[in-house]
Amino acid sequence: MANQTEEFMGYVHAITGQQVIVSDYIHKGLPAYLTQPYKLYSLLIGEEQYLGVLLKDVSDLRPATYEKHLAQLVKLVEGRFCGACLIASLLPVYVRNRLVERGLSFVVPNTQLFWPELGAAVKARRWVRTSLKVEALSPVTQAVVLNVLNQKISETFTPKLLAEKLGYSAMSMTRALNELEANQLGVVTREGKERYLTFPDGLRALWQNALPYLRSPVREELHIHEADIDQSMFFVAGESALSTRSLLASPNEPVFAVDANTWKSIAKNILKIPIKDVDTCLIQVWRYDPKPYVCDKKVDDFSLYLSLRYHHDERVSIALDELMENRKW
């Protein structure tokens, strides 16, 4: 534990330039399910104090469970800290990506730091302050790529401009630029403290180069009675959308997309059907809001392609290839 604490102090200091003081934090009365998997620390970084949550066994971490535990810890410590951070000796890439998606701060000493409260979301290795290539773009970075591909923003932009146009924080946009630069998907230039992102090779090259790092927007699929939905809140997606842009026949079960937040607000009032049935439709719950990219109430070509590219039906694959080949860049 002592070595890990020292590595944490040195790593955070090297990344942030801030003085780091770590001390044990003892809170009497914590339930066993909070004390067994974690050891708590008080982290004084600069002039701010944070709660350090050291993970004792990395194999036990489940991001969703940790998020619930952290909420309970924050409530129990009664606002004594301005934030909290998970500390672990090792985290699998999938777990790290899930923590980033959930906005949960974490530090893996000498490997990775994601800590928005510190004004830093830096991936580093061997004490070198450089961004690392990621295996899959974060949802925020993917949103930037989709906006560029759909020509919703200017060809040259800054984190501030992106934040204003996309509704994310400037810090989120800074992380997006870091990912795009690390994966060589765009060119980042600097003038003083300002950073500018461009795509000099054009949109077709961006799509082809980014495709291996882009994920399906679909988080969940479920069946419901079509009559139960307000279609003004949904957008034509999947095979239904593809059939309007190709020779593919319309599916027997219509497909609609909705963002996760909208679905959460209405799901409790809608009956879910376990299987495809008469008068049902297929609902795709998306990781991001499809609305900024829709045209004529249908999802955009790029998100449509990503949602269906691993489809088992060869006819769908052929229609997707034709869709992208016929696209005017």
C-alpha atoms as a PDB file:
ATOM      1  CA  MET A   1       0.000   0.000   0.000  1.00  0.00           C
ATOM      2  CA  ALA A   2       2.814   2.392   0.895  1.00  0.00           C
ATOM      3  CA  ASN A   3       4.526   1.967  -2.483  1.00  0.00           C
ATOM      4  CA  GLN A   4       1.243   2.461  -4.308  1.00  0.00           C
ATOM      5  CA  THR A   5       0.550   5.630  -2.324  1.00  0.00           C
ATOM      6  CA  GLU A   6       3.996   6.996  -3.156  1.00  0.00           C
ATOM      7  CA  GLU A   7       3.528   6.168  -6.828  1.00  0.00           C
ATOM      8  CA  PHE A   8       0.170   7.934  -6.770  1.00  0.00           C
ATOM      9  CA  MET A   9       1.647  11.070  -5.178  1.00  0.00           C
ATOM     10  CA  GLY A  10       4.535  11.227  -7.611  1.00  0.00           C
ATOM     11  CA  TYR A  11       2.410  10.505 -10.652  1.00  0.00           C
ATOM     12  CA  VAL A  12      -0.263  13.106  -9.895  1.00  0.00           C
ATOM     13  CA  HIS A  13       2.432  15.669  -9.088  1.00  0.00           C
ATOM     14  CA  ALA A  14       4.186  14.957 -12.386  1.00  0.00           C
ATOM     15  CA  ILE A  15       0.947  15.293 -14.349  1.00  0.00           C
ATOM     16  CA  THR A  16      -0.548  18.329 -12.600  1.00  0.00           C
ATOM     17  CA  GLY A  17       2.441  20.131 -11.110  1.00  0.00           C
ATOM     18  CA  GLN A  18       0.495  20.318  -7.824  1.00  0.00           C
ATOM     19  CA  GLN A  19       1.813  19.327  -4.400  1.00  0.00           C
ATOM     20  CA  VAL A  20       0.147  16.092  -3.262  1.00  0.00           C
ATOM     21  CA  ILE A  21      -0.301  15.054   0.377  1.00  0.00           C
ATOM     22  CA  VAL A  22      -1.935  11.714   1.169  1.00  0.00           C
ATOM     23  CA  SER A  23      -3.193  10.683   4.616  1.00  0.00           C
ATOM     24  CA  ASP A  24      -5.456   7.923   5.926  1.00  0.00           C
ATOM     25  CA  TYR A  25      -9.113   8.842   6.254  1.00  0.00           C
ATOM     26  CA  ILE A  26     -11.028   6.982   8.951  1.00  0.00           C
ATOM     27  CA  HIS A  27     -14.793   7.262   9.105  1.00  0.00           C
ATOM     28  CA  LYS A  28     -16.442   5.260  11.874  1.00  0.00           C
ATOM     29  CA  GLY A  29     -19.643   3.464  11.133  1.00  0.00           C
ATOM     30  CA  LEU A  30     -19.128   2.680   7.452  1.00  0.00           C
ATOM     31  CA  PRO A  31     -20.870  -0.563   6.430  1.00  0.00           C
ATOM     32  CA  ALA A  32     -18.715  -3.572   5.568  1.00  0.00           C
ATOM     33  CA  TYR A  33     -19.606  -3.478   1.859  1.00  0.00           C
ATOM     34  CA  LEU A  34     -17.833  -0.097   1.710  1.00  0.00           C
ATOM     35  CA  THR A  35     -14.836  -0.907   3.880  1.00  0.00           C
ATOM     36  CA  GLN A  36     -13.992  -4.360   2.527  1.00  0.00           C
ATOM     37  CA  PRO A  37     -13.336  -3.452  -1.151  1.00  0.00           C
ATOM     38  CA  TYR A  38     -11.840   0.004  -0.517  1.00  0.00           C
ATOM     39  CA  LYS A  39      -9.372   1.887   1.657  1.00  0.00           C
ATOM     40  CA  LEU A  40     -10.088   5.591   2.064  1.00  0.00           C
ATOM     41  CA  TYR A  41      -7.595   8.443   1.967  1.00  0.00           C
ATOM     42  CA  SER A  42      -7.674  12.204   2.309  1.00  0.00           C
ATOM     43  CA  LEU A  43      -5.923  13.737  -0.710  1.00  0.00           C
ATOM     44  CA  LEU A  44      -4.709  17.309  -0.404  1.00  0.00           C
ATOM     45  CA  ILE A  45      -3.780  18.508  -3.898  1.00  0.00           C
ATOM     46  CA  GLY A  46      -2.820  22.134  -4.101  1.00  0.00           C
ATOM     47  CA  GLU A  47      -5.425  23.850  -1.957  1.00  0.00           C
ATOM     48  CA  GLU A  48      -8.225  21.350  -2.546  1.00  0.00           C
ATOM     49  CA  GLN A  49      -9.061  18.221  -0.587  1.00  0.00           C
ATOM     50  CA  TYR A  50     -10.387  15.073  -2.262  1.00  0.00           C
ATOM     51  CA  LEU A  51     -11.524  11.672  -1.100  1.00  0.00           C
ATOM     52  CA  GLY A  52      -9.209   8.921  -2.345  1.00  0.00           C
ATOM     53  CA  VAL A  53     -10.846   5.517  -2.809  1.00  0.00           C
ATOM     54  CA  LEU A  54      -8.157   2.848  -3.116  1.00  0.00           C
ATOM     55  CA  LEU A  55      -9.393  -0.341  -4.748  1.00  0.00           C
ATOM     56  CA  LYS A  56      -8.024  -3.351  -2.866  1.00  0.00           C
ATOM     57  CA  ASP A  57      -8.807  -6.024  -5.479  1.00  0.00           C
ATOM     58  CA  VAL A  58      -8.998  -4.873  -9.117  1.00  0.00           C
ATOM     59  CA  SER A  59     -10.815  -8.051 -10.168  1.00  0.00           C
ATOM     60  CA  ASP A  60     -13.825  -7.077  -8.034  1.00  0.00           C
ATOM     61  CA  LEU A  61     -14.521  -3.717  -9.698  1.00  0.00           C
ATOM     62  CA  ARG A  62     -17.796  -3.261 -11.549  1.00  0.00           C
ATOM     63  CA  PRO A  63     -18.220   0.347 -12.775  1.00  0.00           C
ATOM     64  CA  ALA A  64     -21.972   0.458 -12.095  1.00  0.00           C
ATOM     65  CA  THR A  65     -21.523  -0.966  -8.580  1.00  0.00           C
ATOM     66  CA  TYR A  66     -18.657   1.395  -7.820  1.00  0.00           C
ATOM     67  CA  GLU A  67     -20.766   4.365  -8.941  1.00  0.00           C
ATOM     68  CA  LYS A  68     -23.447   3.385  -6.400  1.00  0.00           C
ATOM     69  CA  HIS A  69     -20.852   2.837  -3.661  1.00  0.00           C
ATOM     70  CA  LEU A  70     -19.232   6.192  -4.414  1.00  0.00           C
ATOM     71  CA  ALA A  71     -22.564   8.005  -4.157  1.00  0.00           C
ATOM     72  CA  GLN A  72     -23.082   6.436  -0.732  1.00  0.00           C
ATOM     73  CA  LEU A  73     -19.554   7.327   0.386  1.00  0.00           C
ATOM     74  CA  VAL A  74     -19.945  10.941  -0.692  1.00  0.00           C
ATOM     75  CA  LYS A  75     -23.204  11.146   1.233  1.00  0.00           C
ATOM     76  CA  LEU A  76     -21.672   9.630   4.356  1.00  0.00           C
ATOM     77  CA  VAL A  77     -18.627  11.932   4.439  1.00  0.00           C
ATOM     78  CA  GLU A  78     -21.010  14.891   4.482  1.00  0.00           C
ATOM     79  CA  GLY A  79     -19.426  17.097   1.854  1.00  0.00           C
ATOM     80  CA  ARG A  80     -15.998  17.277   3.485  1.00  0.00           C
ATOM     81  CA  PHE A  81     -14.312  16.834   0.110  1.00  0.00           C
ATOM     82  CA  CYS A  82     -14.649  18.689  -3.195  1.00  0.00           C
ATOM     83  CA  GLY A  83     -14.501  15.457  -5.165  1.00  0.00           C
ATOM     84  CA  ALA A  84     -13.478  11.808  -5.126  1.00  0.00           C
ATOM     85  CA  CYS A  85     -11.086   9.664  -7.106  1.00  0.00           C
ATOM     86  CA  LEU A  86     -10.644   5.914  -7.512  1.00  0.00           C
ATOM     87  CA  ILE A  87      -7.056   4.676  -7.168  1.00  0.00           C
ATOM     88  CA  ALA A  88      -6.105   1.295  -8.630  1.00  0.00           C
ATOM     89  CA  SER A  89      -2.889  -0.492  -9.512  1.00  0.00           C
ATOM     90  CA  LEU A  90      -4.446  -1.822 -12.725  1.00  0.00           C
ATOM     91  CA  LEU A  91      -7.705  -1.379 -14.622  1.00  0.00           C
ATOM     92  CA  PRO A  92      -8.683  -3.206 -17.840  1.00  0.00           C
ATOM     93  CA  VAL A  93      -9.235  -0.961 -20.873  1.00  0.00           C
ATOM     94  CA  TYR A  94     -12.950  -1.783 -20.912  1.00  0.00           C
ATOM     95  CA  VAL A  95     -13.351  -0.764 -17.263  1.00  0.00           C
ATOM     96  CA  ARG A  96     -11.401   2.462 -17.820  1.00  0.00           C
ATOM     97  CA  ASN A  97     -13.610   3.348 -20.781  1.00  0.00           C
ATOM     98  CA  ARG A  98     -16.740   2.673 -18.733  1.00  0.00           C
ATOM     99  CA  LEU A  99     -15.479   4.892 -15.915  1.00  0.00           C
ATOM    100  CA  VAL A 100     -14.754   7.679 -18.413  1.00  0.00           C
ATOM    101  CA  GLU A 101     -18.236   7.323 -19.913  1.00  0.00           C
ATOM    102  CA  ARG A 102     -19.741   7.640 -16.434  1.00  0.00           C
ATOM    103  CA  GLY A 103     -17.528  10.635 -15.590  1.00  0.00           C
ATOM    104  CA  LEU A 104     -15.921   8.838 -12.641  1.00  0.00           C
ATOM    105  CA  SER A 105     -12.409  10.051 -11.789  1.00  0.00           C
ATOM    106  CA  PHE A 106      -9.652   7.481 -11.488  1.00  0.00           C
ATOM    107  CA  VAL A 107      -5.879   7.184 -11.384  1.00  0.00           C
ATOM    108  CA  VAL A 108      -3.761   4.191 -12.353  1.00  0.00           C
ATOM    109  CA  PRO A 109      -0.277   5.338 -11.238  1.00  0.00           C
ATOM    110  CA  ASN A 110       2.245   5.579 -14.076  1.00  0.00           C
ATOM    111  CA  THR A 111      -0.415   4.607 -16.626  1.00  0.00           C
ATOM    112  CA  GLN A 112      -3.540   6.777 -16.782  1.00  0.00           C
ATOM    113  CA  LEU A 113      -5.245   9.699 -15.099  1.00  0.00           C
ATOM    114  CA  PHE A 114      -8.838  10.807 -15.639  1.00  0.00           C
ATOM    115  CA  TRP A 115      -9.747  13.524 -13.171  1.00  0.00           C
ATOM    116  CA  PRO A 116     -11.992  16.323 -14.512  1.00  0.00           C
ATOM    117  CA  GLU A 117     -12.076  18.120 -11.148  1.00  0.00           C
ATOM    118  CA  LEU A 118      -8.352  18.717 -11.445  1.00  0.00           C
ATOM    119  CA  GLY A 119      -8.822  20.206 -14.885  1.00  0.00           C
ATOM    120  CA  ALA A 120      -6.982  17.258 -16.428  1.00  0.00           C
ATOM    121  CA  ALA A 121      -7.924  14.152 -18.332  1.00  0.00           C
ATOM    122  CA  VAL A 122      -4.504  12.941 -19.365  1.00  0.00           C
ATOM    123  CA  LYS A 123      -3.376   9.542 -20.459  1.00  0.00           C
ATOM    124  CA  ALA A 124       0.301   9.015 -19.774  1.00  0.00           C
ATOM    125  CA  ARG A 125       2.841   6.255 -19.551  1.00  0.00           C
ATOM    126  CA  ARG A 126       6.309   6.149 -18.024  1.00  0.00           C
ATOM    127  CA  TRP A 127       6.028   9.714 -16.773  1.00  0.00           C
ATOM    128  CA  VAL A 128       5.641  11.135 -20.297  1.00  0.00           C
ATOM    129  CA  ARG A 129       2.778  13.600 -20.528  1.00  0.00           C
ATOM    130  CA  THR A 130       1.358  12.477 -23.855  1.00  0.00           C
ATOM    131  CA  SER A 131      -2.035  11.198 -24.925  1.00  0.00           C
ATOM    132  CA  LEU A 132      -2.271   7.511 -25.777  1.00  0.00           C
ATOM    133  CA  LYS A 133      -4.089   5.917 -28.655  1.00  0.00           C
ATOM    134  CA  VAL A 134      -7.446   4.491 -27.586  1.00  0.00           C
ATOM    135  CA  GLU A 135      -9.070   1.280 -28.771  1.00  0.00           C
ATOM    136  CA  ALA A 136     -12.505   2.895 -29.064  1.00  0.00           C
ATOM    137  CA  LEU A 137     -13.433   6.564 -29.115  1.00  0.00           C
ATOM    138  CA  SER A 138     -15.439   7.836 -26.174  1.00  0.00           C
ATOM    139  CA  PRO A 139     -19.083   8.788 -26.862  1.00  0.00           C
ATOM    140  CA  VAL A 140     -18.156  12.491 -26.700  1.00  0.00           C
ATOM    141  CA  THR A 141     -15.328  12.100 -29.210  1.00  0.00           C
ATOM    142  CA  GLN A 142     -17.584  10.049 -31.470  1.00  0.00           C
ATOM    143  CA  ALA A 143     -20.134  12.862 -31.319  1.00  0.00           C
ATOM    144  CA  VAL A 144     -17.450  15.270 -32.550  1.00  0.00           C
ATOM    145  CA  VAL A 145     -16.608  12.974 -35.466  1.00  0.00           C
ATOM    146  CA  LEU A 146     -20.268  12.570 -36.408  1.00  0.00           C
ATOM    147  CA  ASN A 147     -20.818  16.322 -36.359  1.00  0.00           C
ATOM    148  CA  VAL A 148     -17.839  16.848 -38.628  1.00  0.00           C
ATOM    149  CA  LEU A 149     -18.959  14.082 -41.000  1.00  0.00           C
ATOM    150  CA  ASN A 150     -22.476  15.494 -41.146  1.00  0.00           C
ATOM    151  CA  GLN A 151     -20.989  18.949 -41.763  1.00  0.00           C
ATOM    152  CA  LYS A 152     -22.694  20.496 -38.779  1.00  0.00           C
ATOM    153  CA  ILE A 153     -19.640  22.498 -37.713  1.00  0.00           C
ATOM    154  CA  SER A 154     -16.849  24.506 -39.318  1.00  0.00           C
ATOM    155  CA  GLU A 155     -13.707  22.853 -40.666  1.00  0.00           C
ATOM    156  CA  THR A 156     -11.483  24.451 -38.016  1.00  0.00           C
ATOM    157  CA  PHE A 157     -12.596  24.687 -34.406  1.00  0.00           C
ATOM    158  CA  THR A 158     -11.500  24.955 -30.796  1.00  0.00           C
ATOM    159  CA  PRO A 159     -12.703  23.101 -27.662  1.00  0.00           C
ATOM    160  CA  LYS A 160     -14.753  26.160 -26.726  1.00  0.00           C
ATOM    161  CA  LEU A 161     -16.501  26.267 -30.106  1.00  0.00           C
ATOM    162  CA  LEU A 162     -17.220  22.544 -29.929  1.00  0.00           C
ATOM    163  CA  ALA A 163     -18.621  22.885 -26.426  1.00  0.00           C
ATOM    164  CA  GLU A 164     -21.007  25.634 -27.545  1.00  0.00           C
ATOM    165  CA  LYS A 165     -22.221  23.715 -30.584  1.00  0.00           C
ATOM    166  CA  LEU A 166     -22.516  20.248 -29.074  1.00  0.00           C
ATOM    167  CA  GLY A 167     -23.625  21.087 -25.546  1.00  0.00           C
ATOM    168  CA  TYR A 168     -20.680  19.459 -23.778  1.00  0.00           C
ATOM    169  CA  SER A 169     -18.226  21.033 -21.353  1.00  0.00           C
ATOM    170  CA  ALA A 170     -15.000  22.593 -22.629  1.00  0.00           C
ATOM    171  CA  MET A 171     -13.090  19.951 -20.661  1.00  0.00           C
ATOM    172  CA  SER A 172     -14.954  17.169 -22.492  1.00  0.00           C
ATOM    173  CA  MET A 173     -14.016  18.776 -25.787  1.00  0.00           C
ATOM    174  CA  THR A 174     -10.383  19.015 -24.706  1.00  0.00           C
ATOM    175  CA  ARG A 175     -10.412  15.268 -24.048  1.00  0.00           C
ATOM    176  CA  ALA A 176     -12.002  14.705 -27.444  1.00  0.00           C
ATOM    177  CA  LEU A 177      -9.191  16.620 -29.141  1.00  0.00           C
ATOM    178  CA  ASN A 178      -6.677  14.556 -27.182  1.00  0.00           C
ATOM    179  CA  GLU A 179      -8.238  11.315 -28.447  1.00  0.00           C
ATOM    180  CA  LEU A 180      -8.471  12.513 -32.041  1.00  0.00           C
ATOM    181  CA  GLU A 181      -4.864  13.670 -31.998  1.00  0.00           C
ATOM    182  CA  ALA A 182      -3.588  10.485 -30.322  1.00  0.00           C
ATOM    183  CA  ASN A 183      -5.380   8.292 -32.877  1.00  0.00           C
ATOM    184  CA  GLN A 184      -4.139  10.494 -35.737  1.00  0.00           C
ATOM    185  CA  LEU A 185      -7.666  11.253 -36.903  1.00  0.00           C
ATOM    186  CA  GLY A 186      -7.125  15.013 -37.056  1.00  0.00           C
ATOM    187  CA  VAL A 187      -4.390  17.609 -36.898  1.00  0.00           C
ATOM    188  CA  VAL A 188      -4.183  19.688 -33.718  1.00  0.00           C
ATOM    189  CA  THR A 189      -2.236  22.935 -33.886  1.00  0.00           C
ATOM    190  CA  ARG A 190      -1.515  25.362 -31.086  1.00  0.00           C
ATOM    191  CA  GLU A 191      -1.388  29.136 -31.011  1.00  0.00           C
ATOM    192  CA  GLY A 192      -0.474  30.248 -27.519  1.00  0.00           C
ATOM    193  CA  LYS A 193      -2.871  28.500 -25.141  1.00  0.00           C
ATOM    194  CA  GLU A 194      -5.496  27.875 -27.823  1.00  0.00           C
ATOM    195  CA  ARG A 195      -5.780  24.595 -29.754  1.00  0.00           C
ATOM    196  CA  TYR A 196      -7.273  24.190 -33.220  1.00  0.00           C
ATOM    197  CA  LEU A 197      -8.443  20.959 -34.831  1.00  0.00           C
ATOM    198  CA  THR A 198      -8.612  20.426 -38.586  1.00  0.00           C
ATOM    199  CA  PHE A 199      -9.125  17.487 -40.939  1.00  0.00           C
ATOM    200  CA  PRO A 200      -6.923  18.340 -43.917  1.00  0.00           C
ATOM    201  CA  ASP A 201      -7.445  14.972 -45.636  1.00  0.00           C
ATOM    202  CA  GLY A 202     -11.201  15.538 -45.985  1.00  0.00           C
ATOM    203  CA  LEU A 203     -14.335  13.849 -44.714  1.00  0.00           C
ATOM    204  CA  ARG A 204     -14.000  10.581 -46.645  1.00  0.00           C
ATOM    205  CA  ALA A 205     -10.556   9.977 -45.142  1.00  0.00           C
ATOM    206  CA  LEU A 206     -11.848  10.874 -41.676  1.00  0.00           C
ATOM    207  CA  TRP A 207     -14.634   8.304 -41.991  1.00  0.00           C
ATOM    208  CA  GLN A 208     -12.335   5.554 -43.246  1.00  0.00           C
ATOM    209  CA  ASN A 209      -9.667   6.240 -40.628  1.00  0.00           C
ATOM    210  CA  ALA A 210     -12.117   6.638 -37.729  1.00  0.00           C
ATOM    211  CA  LEU A 211     -14.272   3.608 -38.567  1.00  0.00           C
ATOM    212  CA  PRO A 212     -12.183   1.066 -36.592  1.00  0.00           C
ATOM    213  CA  TYR A 213     -12.577   3.204 -33.452  1.00  0.00           C
ATOM    214  CA  LEU A 214     -16.290   4.001 -33.776  1.00  0.00           C
ATOM    215  CA  ARG A 215     -18.913   2.020 -31.895  1.00  0.00           C
ATOM    216  CA  SER A 216     -22.513   1.204 -32.625  1.00  0.00           C
ATOM    217  CA  PRO A 217     -24.769   3.901 -31.181  1.00  0.00           C
ATOM    218  CA  VAL A 218     -27.198   1.229 -30.017  1.00  0.00           C
ATOM    219  CA  ARG A 219     -27.031   0.520 -26.303  1.00  0.00           C
ATOM    220  CA  GLU A 220     -30.163  -1.616 -26.055  1.00  0.00           C
ATOM    221  CA  GLU A 221     -32.936  -3.004 -28.273  1.00  0.00           C
ATOM    222  CA  LEU A 222     -36.446  -3.917 -27.146  1.00  0.00           C
ATOM    223  CA  HIS A 223     -39.909  -4.563 -28.530  1.00  0.00           C
ATOM    224  CA  ILE A 224     -42.985  -2.497 -27.674  1.00  0.00           C
ATOM    225  CA  HIS A 225     -46.387  -1.891 -29.220  1.00  0.00           C
ATOM    226  CA  GLU A 226     -46.003   0.791 -31.875  1.00  0.00           C
ATOM    227  CA  ALA A 227     -49.251   2.415 -30.755  1.00  0.00           C
ATOM    228  CA  ASP A 228     -47.737   3.076 -27.318  1.00  0.00           C
ATOM    229  CA  ILE A 229     -45.125   5.578 -28.508  1.00  0.00           C
ATOM    230  CA  ASP A 230     -45.247   9.236 -29.409  1.00  0.00           C
ATOM    231  CA  GLN A 231     -43.434   9.074 -32.736  1.00  0.00           C
ATOM    232  CA  SER A 232     -42.438  12.735 -32.510  1.00  0.00           C
ATOM    233  CA  MET A 233     -39.917  11.641 -29.874  1.00  0.00           C
ATOM    234  CA  PHE A 234     -38.428   8.859 -32.024  1.00  0.00           C
ATOM    235  CA  PHE A 235     -36.534   8.655 -35.294  1.00  0.00           C
ATOM    236  CA  VAL A 236     -36.634   6.069 -38.064  1.00  0.00           C
ATOM    237  CA  ALA A 237     -33.580   3.841 -37.733  1.00  0.00           C
ATOM    238  CA  GLY A 238     -32.128   0.422 -38.504  1.00  0.00           C
ATOM    239  CA  GLU A 239     -33.475  -1.527 -41.473  1.00  0.00           C
ATOM    240  CA  SER A 240     -36.439   0.872 -41.686  1.00  0.00           C
ATOM    241  CA  ALA A 241     -34.115   3.787 -42.413  1.00  0.00           C
ATOM    242  CA  LEU A 242     -31.864   1.727 -44.685  1.00  0.00           C
ATOM    243  CA  SER A 243     -34.856   0.614 -46.773  1.00  0.00           C
ATOM    244  CA  THR A 244     -35.567   4.276 -47.648  1.00  0.00           C
ATOM    245  CA  ARG A 245     -32.014   4.738 -48.977  1.00  0.00           C
ATOM    246  CA  SER A 246     -31.521   1.457 -50.812  1.00  0.00           C
ATOM    247  CA  LEU A 247     -33.346  -1.389 -52.555  1.00  0.00           C
ATOM    248  CA  LEU A 248     -33.673  -3.249 -49.255  1.00  0.00           C
ATOM    249  CA  ALA A 249     -37.282  -4.141 -48.423  1.00  0.00           C
ATOM    250  CA  SER A 250     -38.860  -2.552 -45.364  1.00  0.00           C
ATOM    251  CA  PRO A 251     -38.788  -4.812 -42.290  1.00  0.00           C
ATOM    252  CA  ASN A 252     -42.027  -6.270 -40.964  1.00  0.00           C
ATOM    253  CA  GLU A 253     -41.277  -4.655 -37.618  1.00  0.00           C
ATOM    254  CA  PRO A 254     -40.538  -0.892 -37.855  1.00  0.00           C
ATOM    255  CA  VAL A 255     -37.339   0.311 -36.179  1.00  0.00           C
ATOM    256  CA  PHE A 256     -37.017   3.564 -34.241  1.00  0.00           C
ATOM    257  CA  ALA A 257     -34.164   5.218 -32.350  1.00  0.00           C
ATOM    258  CA  VAL A 258     -34.303   7.274 -29.162  1.00  0.00           C
ATOM    259  CA  ASP A 259     -31.613   8.625 -26.866  1.00  0.00           C
ATOM    260  CA  ALA A 260     -31.129   7.028 -23.454  1.00  0.00           C
ATOM    261  CA  ASN A 261     -32.289  10.053 -21.445  1.00  0.00           C
ATOM    262  CA  THR A 262     -35.547  10.410 -23.374  1.00  0.00           C
ATOM    263  CA  TRP A 263     -36.224   6.698 -23.103  1.00  0.00           C
ATOM    264  CA  LYS A 264     -35.582   6.718 -19.366  1.00  0.00           C
ATOM    265  CA  SER A 265     -38.146   9.482 -18.921  1.00  0.00           C
ATOM    266  CA  ILE A 266     -40.921   7.526 -20.648  1.00  0.00           C
ATOM    267  CA  ALA A 267     -40.000   3.856 -20.262  1.00  0.00           C
ATOM    268  CA  LYS A 268     -41.887   3.274 -17.023  1.00  0.00           C
ATOM    269  CA  ASN A 269     -45.181   4.004 -18.777  1.00  0.00           C
ATOM    270  CA  ILE A 270     -44.576   1.663 -21.726  1.00  0.00           C
ATOM    271  CA  LEU A 271     -45.122  -2.099 -21.755  1.00  0.00           C
ATOM    272  CA  LYS A 272     -42.086  -4.057 -22.984  1.00  0.00           C
ATOM    273  CA  ILE A 273     -42.790  -7.091 -25.171  1.00  0.00           C
ATOM    274  CA  PRO A 274     -40.320  -9.997 -24.840  1.00  0.00           C
ATOM    275  CA  ILE A 275     -40.497 -11.010 -28.515  1.00  0.00           C
ATOM    276  CA  LYS A 276     -41.432  -9.605 -31.911  1.00  0.00           C
ATOM    277  CA  ASP A 277     -45.222  -9.739 -32.242  1.00  0.00           C
ATOM    278  CA  VAL A 278     -48.143  -8.296 -34.167  1.00  0.00           C
ATOM    279  CA  ASP A 279     -48.100  -4.474 -34.159  1.00  0.00           C
ATOM    280  CA  THR A 280     -44.799  -4.262 -32.289  1.00  0.00           C
ATOM    281  CA  CYS A 281     -41.871  -2.063 -33.225  1.00  0.00           C
ATOM    282  CA  LEU A 282     -38.195  -2.391 -32.404  1.00  0.00           C
ATOM    283  CA  ILE A 283     -36.806   0.413 -30.259  1.00  0.00           C
ATOM    284  CA  GLN A 284     -33.086   1.164 -30.305  1.00  0.00           C
ATOM    285  CA  VAL A 285     -31.922   3.044 -27.213  1.00  0.00           C
ATOM    286  CA  TRP A 286     -28.868   5.045 -28.321  1.00  0.00           C
ATOM    287  CA  ARG A 287     -25.736   6.051 -26.447  1.00  0.00           C
ATOM    288  CA  TYR A 288     -26.068   9.579 -27.823  1.00  0.00           C
ATOM    289  CA  ASP A 289     -28.935  11.723 -29.043  1.00  0.00           C
ATOM    290  CA  PRO A 290     -29.644  11.017 -32.732  1.00  0.00           C
ATOM    291  CA  LYS A 291     -31.591  14.275 -33.137  1.00  0.00           C
ATOM    292  CA  PRO A 292     -28.669  16.573 -34.109  1.00  0.00           C
ATOM    293  CA  TYR A 293     -27.887  14.348 -37.097  1.00  0.00           C
ATOM    294  CA  VAL A 294     -31.331  13.362 -38.404  1.00  0.00           C
ATOM    295  CA  CYS A 295     -32.704  14.277 -41.794  1.00  0.00           C
ATOM    296  CA  ASP A 296     -36.411  13.967 -42.535  1.00  0.00           C
ATOM    297  CA  LYS A 297     -36.944  12.143 -39.209  1.00  0.00           C
ATOM    298  CA  LYS A 298     -34.414   9.474 -40.174  1.00  0.00           C
ATOM    299  CA  VAL A 299     -31.038   8.841 -38.530  1.00  0.00           C
ATOM    300  CA  ASP A 300     -27.879   9.900 -40.362  1.00  0.00           C
ATOM    301  CA  ASP A 301     -25.979   7.615 -42.760  1.00  0.00           C
ATOM    302  CA  PHE A 302     -22.942   7.210 -40.525  1.00  0.00           C
ATOM    303  CA  SER A 303     -24.805   6.242 -37.357  1.00  0.00           C
ATOM    304  CA  LEU A 304     -27.028   3.965 -39.455  1.00  0.00           C
ATOM    305  CA  TYR A 305     -23.972   2.211 -40.851  1.00  0.00           C
ATOM    306  CA  LEU A 306     -22.452   1.786 -37.380  1.00  0.00           C
ATOM    307  CA  SER A 307     -25.695   0.352 -36.001  1.00  0.00           C
ATOM    308  CA  LEU A 308     -25.934  -2.321 -38.717  1.00  0.00           C
ATOM    309  CA  ARG A 309     -22.381  -3.073 -39.855  1.00  0.00           C
ATOM    310  CA  TYR A 310     -22.250  -6.411 -37.997  1.00  0.00           C
ATOM    311  CA  HIS A 311     -25.718  -7.498 -39.125  1.00  0.00           C
ATOM    312  CA  HIS A 312     -26.012 -11.206 -39.961  1.00  0.00           C
ATOM    313  CA  ASP A 313     -28.078 -10.634 -43.141  1.00  0.00           C
ATOM    314  CA  GLU A 314     -25.905 -10.321 -46.251  1.00  0.00           C
ATOM    315  CA  ARG A 315     -28.575  -8.191 -47.955  1.00  0.00           C
ATOM    316  CA  VAL A 316     -28.216  -5.608 -45.208  1.00  0.00           C
ATOM    317  CA  SER A 317     -24.432  -5.611 -45.605  1.00  0.00           C
ATOM    318  CA  ILE A 318     -24.715  -5.076 -49.359  1.00  0.00           C
ATOM    319  CA  ALA A 319     -27.204  -2.225 -48.880  1.00  0.00           C
ATOM    320  CA  LEU A 320     -24.880  -0.574 -46.342  1.00  0.00           C
ATOM    321  CA  ASP A 321     -21.908  -0.764 -48.705  1.00  0.00           C
ATOM    322  CA  GLU A 322     -23.967   0.781 -51.488  1.00  0.00           C
ATOM    323  CA  LEU A 323     -25.155   3.501 -49.127  1.00  0.00           C
ATOM    324  CA  MET A 324     -21.620   4.629 -48.339  1.00  0.00           C
ATOM    325  CA  GLU A 325     -20.308   4.160 -51.875  1.00  0.00           C
ATOM    326  CA  ASN A 326     -23.057   6.366 -53.279  1.00  0.00           C
ATOM    327  CA  ARG A 327     -22.622   9.078 -50.670  1.00  0.00           C
ATOM    328  CA  LYS A 328     -21.603  12.487 -51.957  1.00  0.00           C
ATOM    329  CA  TRP A 329     -18.684  13.696 -49.877  1.00  0.00           C
END
